[in-house]
Amino acid sequence: HTMMTGSAFPSMTKALFADGEEVLVDGLPEARS
């Protein structure tokens, strides 16, 4: 739930199963290396 809300579901679906465009999750901060 810290990485996903409903608005990110269409993007995740496309990234996994459609044209492979990069997943977009609004508000997700950059992860540290």
Full PDB file with SEQRES, HELIX, SHEET, SSBOND, CRYST1, ORIGX, SCALE, CONECT and MASTER records, all heavy atoms in Angstrom:
SEQRES   1 A   33  HIS THR MET MET THR GLY SER ALA PHE PRO SER MET THR          
SEQRES   2 A   33  LYS ALA LEU PHE ALA ASP GLY GLU GLU VAL LEU VAL ASP          
SEQRES   3 A   33  GLY LEU PRO GLU ALA ARG SER                                  
HELIX    1 AA1 GLY A    6  ALA A    8  5                                   3    
HELIX    2 AA2 PHE A    9  PHE A   17  1                                   9    
CRYST1    1.000    1.000    1.000  90.00  90.00  90.00 P 1           1          
ORIGX1      1.000000  0.000000  0.000000        0.00000                         
ORIGX2      0.000000  1.000000  0.000000        0.00000                         
ORIGX3      0.000000  0.000000  1.000000        0.00000                         
SCALE1      1.000000  0.000000  0.000000        0.00000                         
SCALE2      0.000000  1.000000  0.000000        0.00000                         
SCALE3      0.000000  0.000000  1.000000        0.00000                         
ATOM      1  N   HIS A   1       0.832  -1.212   0.000  1.00  0.00           N  
ATOM      2  CA  HIS A   1       0.000   0.000   0.000  1.00  0.00           C  
ATOM      3  C   HIS A   1       0.868   1.264   0.000  1.00  0.00           C  
ATOM      4  O   HIS A   1       0.416   2.343  -0.366  1.00  0.00           O  
ATOM      5  CB  HIS A   1      -0.896  -0.013   1.242  1.00  0.00           C  
ATOM      6  CG  HIS A   1      -2.083   0.888   1.147  1.00  0.00           C  
ATOM      7  ND1 HIS A   1      -2.216   1.857   0.182  1.00  0.00           N  
ATOM      8  CD2 HIS A   1      -3.198   0.985   1.926  1.00  0.00           C  
ATOM      9  CE1 HIS A   1      -3.350   2.511   0.358  1.00  0.00           C  
ATOM     10  NE2 HIS A   1      -3.971   2.001   1.407  1.00  0.00           N  
ATOM     11  N   THR A   2       2.119   1.148   0.414  1.00  0.00           N  
ATOM     12  CA  THR A   2       3.018   2.297   0.412  1.00  0.00           C  
ATOM     13  C   THR A   2       3.500   2.640  -0.991  1.00  0.00           C  
ATOM     14  O   THR A   2       4.106   3.692  -1.199  1.00  0.00           O  
ATOM     15  CB  THR A   2       4.245   2.020   1.299  1.00  0.00           C  
ATOM     16  OG1 THR A   2       4.864   0.805   0.879  1.00  0.00           O  
ATOM     17  CG2 THR A   2       3.835   1.880   2.748  1.00  0.00           C  
ATOM     18  N   MET A   3       3.206   1.771  -1.963  1.00  0.00           N  
ATOM     19  CA  MET A   3       3.678   1.985  -3.329  1.00  0.00           C  
ATOM     20  C   MET A   3       2.549   1.970  -4.356  1.00  0.00           C  
ATOM     21  O   MET A   3       2.750   2.220  -5.536  1.00  0.00           O  
ATOM     22  CB  MET A   3       4.704   0.905  -3.699  1.00  0.00           C  
ATOM     23  CG  MET A   3       5.450   1.133  -5.001  1.00  0.00           C  
ATOM     24  SD  MET A   3       6.591  -0.205  -5.388  1.00  0.00           S  
ATOM     25  CE  MET A   3       5.458  -1.540  -5.788  1.00  0.00           C  
ATOM     26  N   MET A   4       1.349   1.683  -3.922  1.00  0.00           N  
ATOM     27  CA  MET A   4       0.269   1.456  -4.874  1.00  0.00           C  
ATOM     28  C   MET A   4      -1.034   2.069  -4.378  1.00  0.00           C  
ATOM     29  O   MET A   4      -1.410   1.915  -3.219  1.00  0.00           O  
ATOM     30  CB  MET A   4       0.065  -0.060  -5.057  1.00  0.00           C  
ATOM     31  CG  MET A   4      -1.176  -0.457  -5.820  1.00  0.00           C  
ATOM     32  SD  MET A   4      -0.970  -0.381  -7.604  1.00  0.00           S  
ATOM     33  CE  MET A   4      -2.495  -1.157  -8.142  1.00  0.00           C  
ATOM     34  N   THR A   5      -1.706   2.784  -5.270  1.00  0.00           N  
ATOM     35  CA  THR A   5      -3.099   3.149  -5.072  1.00  0.00           C  
ATOM     36  C   THR A   5      -3.809   2.844  -6.384  1.00  0.00           C  
ATOM     37  O   THR A   5      -3.177   2.466  -7.374  1.00  0.00           O  
ATOM     38  CB  THR A   5      -3.275   4.631  -4.714  1.00  0.00           C  
ATOM     39  OG1 THR A   5      -2.741   5.427  -5.766  1.00  0.00           O  
ATOM     40  CG2 THR A   5      -2.586   4.972  -3.405  1.00  0.00           C  
ATOM     41  N   GLY A   6      -5.116   3.032  -6.407  1.00  0.00           N  
ATOM     42  CA  GLY A   6      -5.866   2.686  -7.611  1.00  0.00           C  
ATOM     43  C   GLY A   6      -5.400   3.419  -8.852  1.00  0.00           C  
ATOM     44  O   GLY A   6      -5.411   2.866  -9.949  1.00  0.00           O  
ATOM     45  N   SER A   7      -4.961   4.677  -8.697  1.00  0.00           N  
ATOM     46  CA  SER A   7      -4.551   5.452  -9.865  1.00  0.00           C  
ATOM     47  C   SER A   7      -3.336   4.859 -10.567  1.00  0.00           C  
ATOM     48  O   SER A   7      -3.106   5.115 -11.747  1.00  0.00           O  
ATOM     49  CB  SER A   7      -4.250   6.897  -9.447  1.00  0.00           C  
ATOM     50  OG  SER A   7      -3.171   6.940  -8.531  1.00  0.00           O  
ATOM     51  N   ALA A   8      -2.540   4.056  -9.846  1.00  0.00           N  
ATOM     52  CA  ALA A   8      -1.352   3.444 -10.441  1.00  0.00           C  
ATOM     53  C   ALA A   8      -1.654   2.106 -11.116  1.00  0.00           C  
ATOM     54  O   ALA A   8      -0.816   1.577 -11.848  1.00  0.00           O  
ATOM     55  CB  ALA A   8      -0.273   3.242  -9.375  1.00  0.00           C  
ATOM     56  N   PHE A   9      -2.854   1.556 -10.887  1.00  0.00           N  
ATOM     57  CA  PHE A   9      -3.180   0.229 -11.417  1.00  0.00           C  
ATOM     58  C   PHE A   9      -3.154   0.165 -12.944  1.00  0.00           C  
ATOM     59  O   PHE A   9      -2.569  -0.768 -13.511  1.00  0.00           O  
ATOM     60  CB  PHE A   9      -4.536  -0.220 -10.873  1.00  0.00           C  
ATOM     61  CG  PHE A   9      -5.012  -1.537 -11.399  1.00  0.00           C  
ATOM     62  CD1 PHE A   9      -4.268  -2.681 -11.227  1.00  0.00           C  
ATOM     63  CD2 PHE A   9      -6.224  -1.625 -12.089  1.00  0.00           C  
ATOM     64  CE1 PHE A   9      -4.706  -3.907 -11.713  1.00  0.00           C  
ATOM     65  CE2 PHE A   9      -6.674  -2.843 -12.581  1.00  0.00           C  
ATOM     66  CZ  PHE A   9      -5.909  -3.986 -12.397  1.00  0.00           C  
ATOM     67  N   PRO A  10      -3.750   1.123 -13.664  1.00  0.00           N  
ATOM     68  CA  PRO A  10      -3.668   1.059 -15.129  1.00  0.00           C  
ATOM     69  C   PRO A  10      -2.232   1.096 -15.643  1.00  0.00           C  
ATOM     70  O   PRO A  10      -1.874   0.367 -16.572  1.00  0.00           O  
ATOM     71  CB  PRO A  10      -4.456   2.292 -15.580  1.00  0.00           C  
ATOM     72  CG  PRO A  10      -5.407   2.563 -14.457  1.00  0.00           C  
ATOM     73  CD  PRO A  10      -4.634   2.226 -13.220  1.00  0.00           C  
ATOM     74  N   SER A  11      -1.398   1.941 -15.027  1.00  0.00           N  
ATOM     75  CA  SER A  11       0.000   2.035 -15.460  1.00  0.00           C  
ATOM     76  C   SER A  11       0.745   0.736 -15.193  1.00  0.00           C  
ATOM     77  O   SER A  11       1.527   0.265 -16.025  1.00  0.00           O  
ATOM     78  CB  SER A  11       0.680   3.202 -14.736  1.00  0.00           C  
ATOM     79  OG  SER A  11       2.038   3.291 -15.086  1.00  0.00           O  
ATOM     80  N   MET A  12       0.513   0.133 -14.033  1.00  0.00           N  
ATOM     81  CA  MET A  12       1.163  -1.133 -13.711  1.00  0.00           C  
ATOM     82  C   MET A  12       0.722  -2.235 -14.664  1.00  0.00           C  
ATOM     83  O   MET A  12       1.520  -3.061 -15.110  1.00  0.00           O  
ATOM     84  CB  MET A  12       0.853  -1.528 -12.270  1.00  0.00           C  
ATOM     85  CG  MET A  12       1.531  -2.806 -11.830  1.00  0.00           C  
ATOM     86  SD  MET A  12       1.124  -3.262 -10.133  1.00  0.00           S  
ATOM     87  CE  MET A  12       2.135  -4.739  -9.943  1.00  0.00           C  
ATOM     88  N   THR A  13      -0.566  -2.244 -14.983  1.00  0.00           N  
ATOM     89  CA  THR A  13      -1.099  -3.242 -15.912  1.00  0.00           C  
ATOM     90  C   THR A  13      -0.426  -3.123 -17.279  1.00  0.00           C  
ATOM     91  O   THR A  13      -0.020  -4.121 -17.885  1.00  0.00           O  
ATOM     92  CB  THR A  13      -2.618  -3.086 -16.047  1.00  0.00           C  
ATOM     93  OG1 THR A  13      -3.234  -3.346 -14.778  1.00  0.00           O  
ATOM     94  CG2 THR A  13      -3.183  -4.044 -17.082  1.00  0.00           C  
ATOM     95  N   LYS A  14      -0.293  -1.904 -17.784  1.00  0.00           N  
ATOM     96  CA  LYS A  14       0.346  -1.693 -19.084  1.00  0.00           C  
ATOM     97  C   LYS A  14       1.819  -2.077 -19.049  1.00  0.00           C  
ATOM     98  O   LYS A  14       2.343  -2.671 -19.997  1.00  0.00           O  
ATOM     99  CB  LYS A  14       0.180  -0.240 -19.517  1.00  0.00           C  
ATOM    100  CG  LYS A  14      -1.238   0.134 -19.924  1.00  0.00           C  
ATOM    101  CD  LYS A  14      -1.305   1.577 -20.404  1.00  0.00           C  
ATOM    102  CE  LYS A  14      -2.715   1.937 -20.851  1.00  0.00           C  
ATOM    103  NZ  LYS A  14      -2.802   3.347 -21.323  1.00  0.00           N  
ATOM    104  N   ALA A  15       2.495  -1.711 -17.963  1.00  0.00           N  
ATOM    105  CA  ALA A  15       3.921  -2.038 -17.854  1.00  0.00           C  
ATOM    106  C   ALA A  15       4.152  -3.546 -17.846  1.00  0.00           C  
ATOM    107  O   ALA A  15       5.128  -4.048 -18.414  1.00  0.00           O  
ATOM    108  CB  ALA A  15       4.500  -1.404 -16.588  1.00  0.00           C  
ATOM    109  N   LEU A  16       3.242  -4.273 -17.229  1.00  0.00           N  
ATOM    110  CA  LEU A  16       3.379  -5.730 -17.153  1.00  0.00           C  
ATOM    111  C   LEU A  16       2.911  -6.448 -18.415  1.00  0.00           C  
ATOM    112  O   LEU A  16       3.546  -7.412 -18.864  1.00  0.00           O  
ATOM    113  CB  LEU A  16       2.581  -6.260 -15.957  1.00  0.00           C  
ATOM    114  CG  LEU A  16       3.225  -6.202 -14.586  1.00  0.00           C  
ATOM    115  CD1 LEU A  16       2.193  -6.492 -13.504  1.00  0.00           C  
ATOM    116  CD2 LEU A  16       4.390  -7.186 -14.491  1.00  0.00           C  
ATOM    117  N   PHE A  17       1.803  -5.966 -18.987  1.00  0.00           N  
ATOM    118  CA  PHE A  17       1.134  -6.790 -19.989  1.00  0.00           C  
ATOM    119  C   PHE A  17       0.807  -6.098 -21.311  1.00  0.00           C  
ATOM    120  O   PHE A  17       0.216  -6.723 -22.181  1.00  0.00           O  
ATOM    121  CB  PHE A  17      -0.176  -7.332 -19.397  1.00  0.00           C  
ATOM    122  CG  PHE A  17       0.004  -8.096 -18.116  1.00  0.00           C  
ATOM    123  CD1 PHE A  17      -0.561  -7.642 -16.931  1.00  0.00           C  
ATOM    124  CD2 PHE A  17       0.748  -9.269 -18.089  1.00  0.00           C  
ATOM    125  CE1 PHE A  17      -0.408  -8.336 -15.750  1.00  0.00           C  
ATOM    126  CE2 PHE A  17       0.919  -9.971 -16.910  1.00  0.00           C  
ATOM    127  CZ  PHE A  17       0.338  -9.508 -15.731  1.00  0.00           C  
ATOM    128  N   ALA A  18       1.180  -4.817 -21.478  1.00  0.00           N  
ATOM    129  CA  ALA A  18       0.846  -4.140 -22.738  1.00  0.00           C  
ATOM    130  C   ALA A  18       2.116  -3.710 -23.452  1.00  0.00           C  
ATOM    131  O   ALA A  18       2.945  -4.543 -23.793  1.00  0.00           O  
ATOM    132  CB  ALA A  18      -0.092  -2.964 -22.479  1.00  0.00           C  
ATOM    133  N   ASP A  19       2.287  -2.413 -23.662  1.00  0.00           N  
ATOM    134  CA  ASP A  19       3.392  -1.948 -24.485  1.00  0.00           C  
ATOM    135  C   ASP A  19       4.698  -1.811 -23.736  1.00  0.00           C  
ATOM    136  O   ASP A  19       5.710  -1.424 -24.308  1.00  0.00           O  
ATOM    137  CB  ASP A  19       3.027  -0.594 -25.122  1.00  0.00           C  
ATOM    138  CG  ASP A  19       2.514   0.407 -24.088  1.00  0.00           C  
ATOM    139  OD1 ASP A  19       2.762   0.178 -22.885  1.00  0.00           O  
ATOM    140  OD2 ASP A  19       1.882   1.390 -24.484  1.00  0.00           O  
ATOM    141  N   GLY A  20       4.684  -2.101 -22.443  1.00  0.00           N  
ATOM    142  CA  GLY A  20       5.931  -2.076 -21.702  1.00  0.00           C  
ATOM    143  C   GLY A  20       6.416  -0.694 -21.338  1.00  0.00           C  
ATOM    144  O   GLY A  20       7.568  -0.530 -20.940  1.00  0.00           O  
ATOM    145  N   GLU A  21       5.535   0.321 -21.437  1.00  0.00           N  
ATOM    146  CA  GLU A  21       5.959   1.656 -21.022  1.00  0.00           C  
ATOM    147  C   GLU A  21       6.249   1.654 -19.537  1.00  0.00           C  
ATOM    148  O   GLU A  21       5.690   0.868 -18.767  1.00  0.00           O  
ATOM    149  CB  GLU A  21       4.890   2.691 -21.357  1.00  0.00           C  
ATOM    150  CG  GLU A  21       3.591   2.514 -20.603  1.00  0.00           C  
ATOM    151  CD  GLU A  21       2.535   3.534 -21.007  1.00  0.00           C  
ATOM    152  OE1 GLU A  21       2.408   3.798 -22.226  1.00  0.00           O  
ATOM    153  OE2 GLU A  21       1.857   4.049 -20.109  1.00  0.00           O  
ATOM    154  N   GLU A  22       7.137   2.527 -19.107  1.00  0.00           N  
ATOM    155  CA  GLU A  22       7.583   2.521 -17.719  1.00  0.00           C  
ATOM    156  C   GLU A  22       6.422   2.820 -16.769  1.00  0.00           C  
ATOM    157  O   GLU A  22       5.618   3.712 -17.009  1.00  0.00           O  
ATOM    158  CB  GLU A  22       8.688   3.564 -17.522  1.00  0.00           C  
ATOM    159  CG  GLU A  22       9.358   3.484 -16.164  1.00  0.00           C  
ATOM    160  CD  GLU A  22      10.588   4.361 -16.067  1.00  0.00           C  
ATOM    161  OE1 GLU A  22      11.064   4.837 -17.122  1.00  0.00           O  
ATOM    162  OE2 GLU A  22      11.072   4.574 -14.938  1.00  0.00           O  
ATOM    163  N   VAL A  23       6.363   2.066 -15.679  1.00  0.00           N  
ATOM    164  CA  VAL A  23       5.284   2.245 -14.723  1.00  0.00           C  
ATOM    165  C   VAL A  23       5.398   3.618 -14.065  1.00  0.00           C  
ATOM    166  O   VAL A  23       6.496   4.098 -13.778  1.00  0.00           O  
ATOM    167  CB  VAL A  23       5.302   1.124 -13.652  1.00  0.00           C  
ATOM    168  CG1 VAL A  23       6.530   1.204 -12.764  1.00  0.00           C  
ATOM    169  CG2 VAL A  23       4.033   1.155 -12.810  1.00  0.00           C  
ATOM    170  N   LEU A  24       4.258   4.254 -13.840  1.00  0.00           N  
ATOM    171  CA  LEU A  24       4.219   5.576 -13.224  1.00  0.00           C  
ATOM    172  C   LEU A  24       3.344   5.512 -11.978  1.00  0.00           C  
ATOM    173  O   LEU A  24       2.166   5.166 -12.055  1.00  0.00           O  
ATOM    174  CB  LEU A  24       3.663   6.607 -14.209  1.00  0.00           C  
ATOM    175  CG  LEU A  24       3.463   8.032 -13.668  1.00  0.00           C  
ATOM    176  CD1 LEU A  24       4.812   8.638 -13.284  1.00  0.00           C  
ATOM    177  CD2 LEU A  24       2.760   8.901 -14.698  1.00  0.00           C  
ATOM    178  N   VAL A  25       3.940   5.833 -10.841  1.00  0.00           N  
ATOM    179  CA  VAL A  25       3.206   5.883  -9.577  1.00  0.00           C  
ATOM    180  C   VAL A  25       3.344   7.292  -9.022  1.00  0.00           C  
ATOM    181  O   VAL A  25       4.421   7.691  -8.572  1.00  0.00           O  
ATOM    182  CB  VAL A  25       3.747   4.858  -8.557  1.00  0.00           C  
ATOM    183  CG1 VAL A  25       2.926   4.909  -7.269  1.00  0.00           C  
ATOM    184  CG2 VAL A  25       3.738   3.452  -9.142  1.00  0.00           C  
ATOM    185  N   ASP A  26       2.276   8.070  -9.079  1.00  0.00           N  
ATOM    186  CA  ASP A  26       2.322   9.453  -8.598  1.00  0.00           C  
ATOM    187  C   ASP A  26       2.710   9.504  -7.127  1.00  0.00           C  
ATOM    188  O   ASP A  26       2.159   8.772  -6.301  1.00  0.00           O  
ATOM    189  CB  ASP A  26       0.959  10.128  -8.774  1.00  0.00           C  
ATOM    190  CG  ASP A  26       0.635  10.397 -10.232  1.00  0.00           C  
ATOM    191  OD1 ASP A  26       1.580  10.475 -11.043  1.00  0.00           O  
ATOM    192  OD2 ASP A  26      -0.562  10.522 -10.561  1.00  0.00           O  
ATOM    193  N   GLY A  27       3.663  10.379  -6.816  1.00  0.00           N  
ATOM    194  CA  GLY A  27       4.048  10.591  -5.426  1.00  0.00           C  
ATOM    195  C   GLY A  27       5.081   9.638  -4.885  1.00  0.00           C  
ATOM    196  O   GLY A  27       5.496   9.768  -3.719  1.00  0.00           O  
ATOM    197  N   LEU A  28       5.528   8.665  -5.689  1.00  0.00           N  
ATOM    198  CA  LEU A  28       6.511   7.693  -5.206  1.00  0.00           C  
ATOM    199  C   LEU A  28       7.901   8.327  -5.234  1.00  0.00           C  
ATOM    200  O   LEU A  28       8.392   8.709  -6.299  1.00  0.00           O  
ATOM    201  CB  LEU A  28       6.475   6.440  -6.077  1.00  0.00           C  
ATOM    202  CG  LEU A  28       7.333   5.262  -5.615  1.00  0.00           C  
ATOM    203  CD1 LEU A  28       6.799   4.704  -4.289  1.00  0.00           C  
ATOM    204  CD2 LEU A  28       7.342   4.155  -6.677  1.00  0.00           C  
ATOM    205  N   PRO A  29       8.576   8.462  -4.094  1.00  0.00           N  
ATOM    206  CA  PRO A  29       9.888   9.109  -4.079  1.00  0.00           C  
ATOM    207  C   PRO A  29      10.962   8.212  -4.691  1.00  0.00           C  
ATOM    208  O   PRO A  29      10.811   6.988  -4.753  1.00  0.00           O  
ATOM    209  CB  PRO A  29      10.152   9.345  -2.595  1.00  0.00           C  
ATOM    210  CG  PRO A  29       9.405   8.243  -1.915  1.00  0.00           C  
ATOM    211  CD  PRO A  29       8.161   8.021  -2.748  1.00  0.00           C  
ATOM    212  N   GLU A  30      12.017   8.830  -5.122  1.00  0.00           N  
ATOM    213  CA  GLU A  30      13.150   8.066  -5.647  1.00  0.00           C  
ATOM    214  C   GLU A  30      13.757   7.230  -4.530  1.00  0.00           C  
ATOM    215  O   GLU A  30      13.949   7.699  -3.409  1.00  0.00           O  
ATOM    216  CB  GLU A  30      14.193   9.021  -6.213  1.00  0.00           C  
ATOM    217  CG  GLU A  30      15.417   8.325  -6.792  1.00  0.00           C  
ATOM    218  CD  GLU A  30      16.454   9.304  -7.314  1.00  0.00           C  
ATOM    219  OE1 GLU A  30      16.182  10.527  -7.278  1.00  0.00           O  
ATOM    220  OE2 GLU A  30      17.530   8.857  -7.729  1.00  0.00           O  
ATOM    221  N   ALA A  31      14.059   5.982  -4.834  1.00  0.00           N  
ATOM    222  CA  ALA A  31      14.654   5.098  -3.831  1.00  0.00           C  
ATOM    223  C   ALA A  31      16.154   5.349  -3.729  1.00  0.00           C  
ATOM    224  O   ALA A  31      16.816   5.678  -4.718  1.00  0.00           O  
ATOM    225  CB  ALA A  31      14.386   3.641  -4.187  1.00  0.00           C  
ATOM    226  N   ARG A  32      16.694   5.189  -2.546  1.00  0.00           N  
ATOM    227  CA  ARG A  32      18.135   5.293  -2.357  1.00  0.00           C  
ATOM    228  C   ARG A  32      18.810   4.078  -2.966  1.00  0.00           C  
ATOM    229  O   ARG A  32      18.233   2.985  -3.012  1.00  0.00           O  
ATOM    230  CB  ARG A  32      18.480   5.371  -0.870  1.00  0.00           C  
ATOM    231  CG  ARG A  32      17.887   6.578  -0.144  1.00  0.00           C  
ATOM    232  CD  ARG A  32      18.244   6.546   1.341  1.00  0.00           C  
ATOM    233  NE  ARG A  32      19.690   6.644   1.525  1.00  0.00           N  
ATOM    234  CZ  ARG A  32      20.349   7.800   1.608  1.00  0.00           C  
ATOM    235  NH1 ARG A  32      19.686   8.946   1.513  1.00  0.00           N  
ATOM    236  NH2 ARG A  32      21.651   7.805   1.798  1.00  0.00           N  
ATOM    237  N   SER A  33      20.024   4.254  -3.414  1.00  0.00           N  
ATOM    238  CA  SER A  33      20.750   3.135  -4.020  1.00  0.00           C  
ATOM    239  C   SER A  33      21.197   2.123  -2.970  1.00  0.00           C  
ATOM    240  O   SER A  33      21.394   0.944  -3.271  1.00  0.00           O  
ATOM    241  CB  SER A  33      21.962   3.642  -4.804  1.00  0.00           C  
ATOM    242  OG  SER A  33      22.845   4.364  -3.955  1.00  0.00           O  
TER     243      SER A  33                                                      
MASTER        0    0    0    2    0    0    0    6  242    1    0    3          
END                                                                             
